[in-house]
Amino acid sequence: MGVGPWEGPWPEGEHYDPELLAHGDRRNVVDRYRYWRREAIVADLDTQRHPFHVAVENWDHDFNIGSVVRTANAFGSAAVHIVGRRRWNRRGAMVTDRYQHVHHHPGPEELVAWAAERDLPLVGVDNLPGAVALETYPLPRACVLVFGQEGPGLSPEVREVCRAVLSIAQFGSTRSINAGAAAAVAMHAWVRAHAFGQPV
C-alpha cells in the first residue's frame, strides 16, 4: 500500500511533508493527499465536510466505534461524538481518527446541550417499535445521527430527546444488523439525499 519516495524535484507547498517525500507515504489516504502533512489534510477536509454529525453511545466499550469512525471519515461527516466511556477500540478506525474530528460527551445530557447550542436535531437510528422507516424519512441536512451500542441499542434517555427514531428495513431472519453496518447505511442515506440530491 502507498507510494515510495518522491522521484524528481520535490513539489513546492507548505502542505507537503519532507519526511514523506523522502521516505514514501504508506498511509491509508486517497491519492490526492499523498505526501501531505496530517494537519494539512485535516485542514483541507474541514473545508468540505458535510453538516451531519454521528453520535455513538459507548457504555460497555462497544467494538463497533472504530468502524463507525472510519465510515464517518469516508462519508465526510462533520464529526463523531462518543457518549459514555471515553475509551474506545481504535483498531477498527484504521487510523482515520487522525483525520476525523472525534468528541467525547460524558452522557446524553451533554450531547443534547451541545446539539441544542448549534440548533442540530438528534435523529436516532434503531429498530424499535414505532420507529419510522429510514427509507421514507426526509433526513435533515444538518443533524446528529445517533446510534446505540451493539445489543441494547439506544438508551431510553437518548430516545426521549430524538426528533425521530428511524429503523432500517430488513427482510431476513435476523432481528438486527451490526451497529457499524447500521451506521454506514444511515450515513449513506444522508449522502444520497443531500450530496447527490436523491431521495432516500
Protein backbone atom coordinates (compact mmCIF):
# COMPACT_ATOMS: atom_id res chain seq x y z
CA MET A 1 0.00 0.00 0.00
CA GLY A 2 1.16 3.54 -0.61
CA VAL A 3 3.92 5.06 -2.67
CA GLY A 4 7.69 5.24 -2.38
CA PRO A 5 9.95 8.29 -2.07
CA TRP A 6 9.15 11.18 -4.40
CA GLU A 7 11.03 10.92 -7.69
CA GLY A 8 12.42 14.06 -9.28
CA PRO A 9 12.38 17.63 -7.97
CA TRP A 10 10.28 17.97 -4.84
CA PRO A 11 6.94 19.78 -5.21
CA GLU A 12 6.53 23.12 -3.50
CA GLY A 13 3.94 23.88 -0.87
CA GLU A 14 3.62 24.01 2.90
CA HIS A 15 1.17 21.10 2.81
CA TYR A 16 3.89 18.64 1.78
CA ASP A 17 5.72 16.65 4.45
CA PRO A 18 9.50 16.43 3.83
CA GLU A 19 9.72 13.11 5.68
CA LEU A 20 7.08 11.55 3.46
CA LEU A 21 8.64 12.96 0.31
CA ALA A 22 11.98 11.49 1.32
CA HIS A 23 10.84 8.09 2.56
CA GLY A 24 7.49 7.42 0.90
CA ASP A 25 3.87 7.57 2.03
CA ARG A 26 2.35 4.27 3.20
CA ARG A 27 -0.73 5.80 4.84
CA ASN A 28 -4.32 4.84 4.07
CA VAL A 29 -5.20 8.08 2.28
CA VAL A 30 -6.59 8.85 -1.16
CA ASP A 31 -4.03 9.72 -3.83
CA ARG A 32 -4.88 13.40 -3.62
CA TYR A 33 -3.38 13.54 -0.14
CA ARG A 34 -0.20 11.59 -0.83
CA TYR A 35 2.82 13.21 0.80
CA TRP A 36 0.64 15.78 2.59
CA ARG A 37 1.17 16.64 6.26
CA ARG A 38 -1.59 15.30 8.52
CA GLU A 39 -2.53 18.81 9.66
CA ALA A 40 -2.84 19.93 6.05
CA ILE A 41 -5.16 17.01 5.25
CA VAL A 42 -7.39 17.81 8.22
CA ALA A 43 -7.48 21.49 7.25
CA ASP A 44 -8.46 20.65 3.69
CA LEU A 45 -11.15 18.20 4.82
CA ASP A 46 -12.54 20.91 7.11
CA THR A 47 -13.36 23.00 4.04
CA GLN A 48 -15.61 20.29 2.61
CA ARG A 49 -17.10 18.24 5.45
CA HIS A 50 -20.85 17.61 5.35
CA PRO A 51 -23.10 19.17 8.03
CA PHE A 52 -24.19 15.87 9.59
CA HIS A 53 -22.66 14.51 12.77
CA VAL A 54 -22.62 10.97 14.12
CA ALA A 55 -23.02 10.07 17.80
CA VAL A 56 -22.50 6.63 19.31
CA GLU A 57 -23.34 5.52 22.82
CA ASN A 58 -20.42 3.73 24.47
CA TRP A 59 -21.45 2.38 27.85
CA ASP A 60 -19.84 -1.07 27.62
CA HIS A 61 -16.84 -0.40 25.36
CA ASP A 62 -18.54 -1.00 22.01
CA PHE A 63 -16.11 -2.51 19.49
CA ASN A 64 -18.06 -1.06 16.56
CA ILE A 65 -16.98 2.52 17.20
CA GLY A 66 -13.77 2.21 15.20
CA SER A 67 -15.79 1.09 12.20
CA VAL A 68 -18.21 3.99 12.66
CA VAL A 69 -15.34 6.49 12.77
CA ARG A 70 -13.84 5.03 9.59
CA THR A 71 -17.18 5.22 7.78
CA ALA A 72 -17.84 8.75 9.03
CA ASN A 73 -14.50 9.77 7.59
CA ALA A 74 -15.31 8.12 4.26
CA PHE A 75 -18.66 9.94 4.00
CA GLY A 76 -17.30 13.31 5.13
CA SER A 77 -19.12 13.61 8.44
CA ALA A 78 -18.50 16.84 10.34
CA ALA A 79 -17.59 14.92 13.50
CA VAL A 80 -18.13 11.77 15.52
CA HIS A 81 -19.37 12.07 19.11
CA ILE A 82 -18.81 9.31 21.63
CA VAL A 83 -21.28 9.34 24.51
CA GLY A 84 -20.38 7.48 27.68
CA ARG A 85 -16.99 5.88 28.15
CA ARG A 86 -14.14 7.93 26.72
CA ARG A 87 -12.03 4.92 25.75
CA TRP A 88 -12.86 3.06 22.55
CA ASN A 89 -11.15 0.50 20.34
CA ARG A 90 -9.33 2.48 17.66
CA ARG A 91 -8.21 -0.56 15.72
CA GLY A 92 -11.31 -0.62 13.51
CA ALA A 93 -10.82 3.04 12.61
CA MET A 94 -7.75 2.12 10.51
CA VAL A 95 -6.07 5.37 11.61
CA THR A 96 -8.86 7.52 10.16
CA ASP A 97 -9.34 9.07 13.61
CA ARG A 98 -6.25 11.14 12.81
CA TYR A 99 -8.26 12.95 10.16
CA GLN A 100 -11.78 12.77 11.60
CA HIS A 101 -12.91 15.06 14.43
CA VAL A 102 -13.91 12.90 17.40
CA HIS A 103 -15.52 14.44 20.50
CA HIS A 104 -16.48 12.94 23.85
CA HIS A 105 -19.59 13.61 25.95
CA PRO A 106 -19.89 12.01 29.41
CA GLY A 107 -23.61 11.42 28.98
CA PRO A 108 -26.70 12.17 26.87
CA GLU A 109 -27.30 15.48 28.67
CA GLU A 110 -24.00 16.86 27.44
CA LEU A 111 -24.65 15.72 23.86
CA VAL A 112 -28.13 17.24 23.92
CA ALA A 113 -26.78 20.55 25.24
CA TRP A 114 -24.02 20.60 22.62
CA ALA A 115 -26.51 19.95 19.80
CA ALA A 116 -29.03 22.49 21.14
CA GLU A 117 -26.39 25.24 21.11
CA ARG A 118 -25.93 24.59 17.40
CA ASP A 119 -29.62 24.00 16.59
CA LEU A 120 -28.87 20.44 15.45
CA PRO A 121 -31.72 17.93 15.79
CA LEU A 122 -30.88 14.45 17.07
CA VAL A 123 -32.12 11.62 14.86
CA GLY A 124 -31.89 8.15 16.39
CA VAL A 125 -31.36 5.00 14.36
CA ASP A 126 -32.64 1.81 15.98
CA ASN A 127 -35.11 -0.95 15.15
CA LEU A 128 -37.59 -0.10 17.90
CA PRO A 129 -41.38 -0.50 17.97
CA GLY A 130 -42.89 2.62 16.45
CA ALA A 131 -39.72 3.63 14.62
CA VAL A 132 -40.14 5.32 11.25
CA ALA A 133 -38.58 3.66 8.20
CA LEU A 134 -35.28 5.35 7.34
CA GLU A 135 -36.07 4.70 3.69
CA THR A 136 -39.09 7.03 3.87
CA TYR A 137 -37.88 9.74 6.26
CA PRO A 138 -36.55 13.10 4.98
CA LEU A 139 -33.26 13.36 6.85
CA PRO A 140 -32.41 16.92 7.91
CA ARG A 141 -29.40 18.38 6.14
CA ALA A 142 -27.79 19.47 9.41
CA CYS A 143 -28.34 16.90 12.15
CA VAL A 144 -26.81 14.38 14.51
CA LEU A 145 -27.41 10.73 13.64
CA VAL A 146 -27.41 8.86 16.96
CA PHE A 147 -26.68 5.15 17.35
CA GLY A 148 -26.95 2.93 20.39
CA GLN A 149 -24.31 0.38 21.14
CA GLU A 150 -24.41 -3.21 19.93
CA GLY A 151 -27.05 -5.19 21.80
CA PRO A 152 -29.04 -2.76 23.95
CA GLY A 153 -29.40 -0.14 21.23
CA LEU A 154 -30.38 3.44 22.03
CA SER A 155 -30.72 4.21 25.71
CA PRO A 156 -34.12 5.46 26.95
CA GLU A 157 -32.52 8.83 27.77
CA VAL A 158 -31.45 9.31 24.17
CA ARG A 159 -34.70 8.07 22.67
CA GLU A 160 -36.63 10.71 24.57
CA VAL A 161 -34.67 13.61 23.07
CA CYS A 162 -34.53 12.45 19.44
CA ARG A 163 -36.67 14.28 16.92
CA ALA A 164 -37.33 10.88 15.36
CA VAL A 165 -36.16 7.30 15.72
CA LEU A 166 -35.61 5.55 12.39
CA SER A 167 -35.40 1.87 11.59
CA ILE A 168 -33.60 0.20 8.69
CA ALA A 169 -35.71 -2.14 6.58
CA GLN A 170 -34.70 -5.79 6.95
CA PHE A 171 -36.02 -8.79 5.08
CA GLY A 172 -34.21 -11.77 6.58
CA SER A 173 -34.46 -13.78 9.78
CA THR A 174 -32.13 -11.72 11.98
CA ARG A 175 -33.61 -9.22 14.43
CA SER A 176 -30.91 -6.62 13.87
CA ILE A 177 -27.81 -5.79 11.89
CA ASN A 178 -24.38 -4.89 13.22
CA ALA A 179 -24.27 -1.38 14.72
CA GLY A 180 -21.37 -0.42 12.46
CA ALA A 181 -23.31 -1.60 9.41
CA ALA A 182 -26.41 0.30 10.54
CA ALA A 183 -24.38 3.48 10.86
CA ALA A 184 -22.98 3.01 7.36
CA VAL A 185 -26.47 2.53 5.91
CA ALA A 186 -27.78 5.67 7.62
CA MET A 187 -24.81 7.81 6.60
CA HIS A 188 -25.13 6.66 3.01
CA ALA A 189 -28.82 7.55 3.10
CA TRP A 190 -27.81 11.07 4.14
CA VAL A 191 -25.24 11.24 1.33
CA ARG A 192 -27.80 10.11 -1.25
CA ALA A 193 -30.31 12.70 -0.05
CA HIS A 194 -28.01 15.69 0.28
CA ALA A 195 -24.74 15.14 -1.56
CA PHE A 196 -26.47 13.88 -4.70
CA GLY A 197 -29.97 15.21 -4.19
CA GLN A 198 -31.62 11.81 -4.46
CA PRO A 199 -34.44 10.75 -2.12
CA VAL A 200 -33.57 8.07 0.41
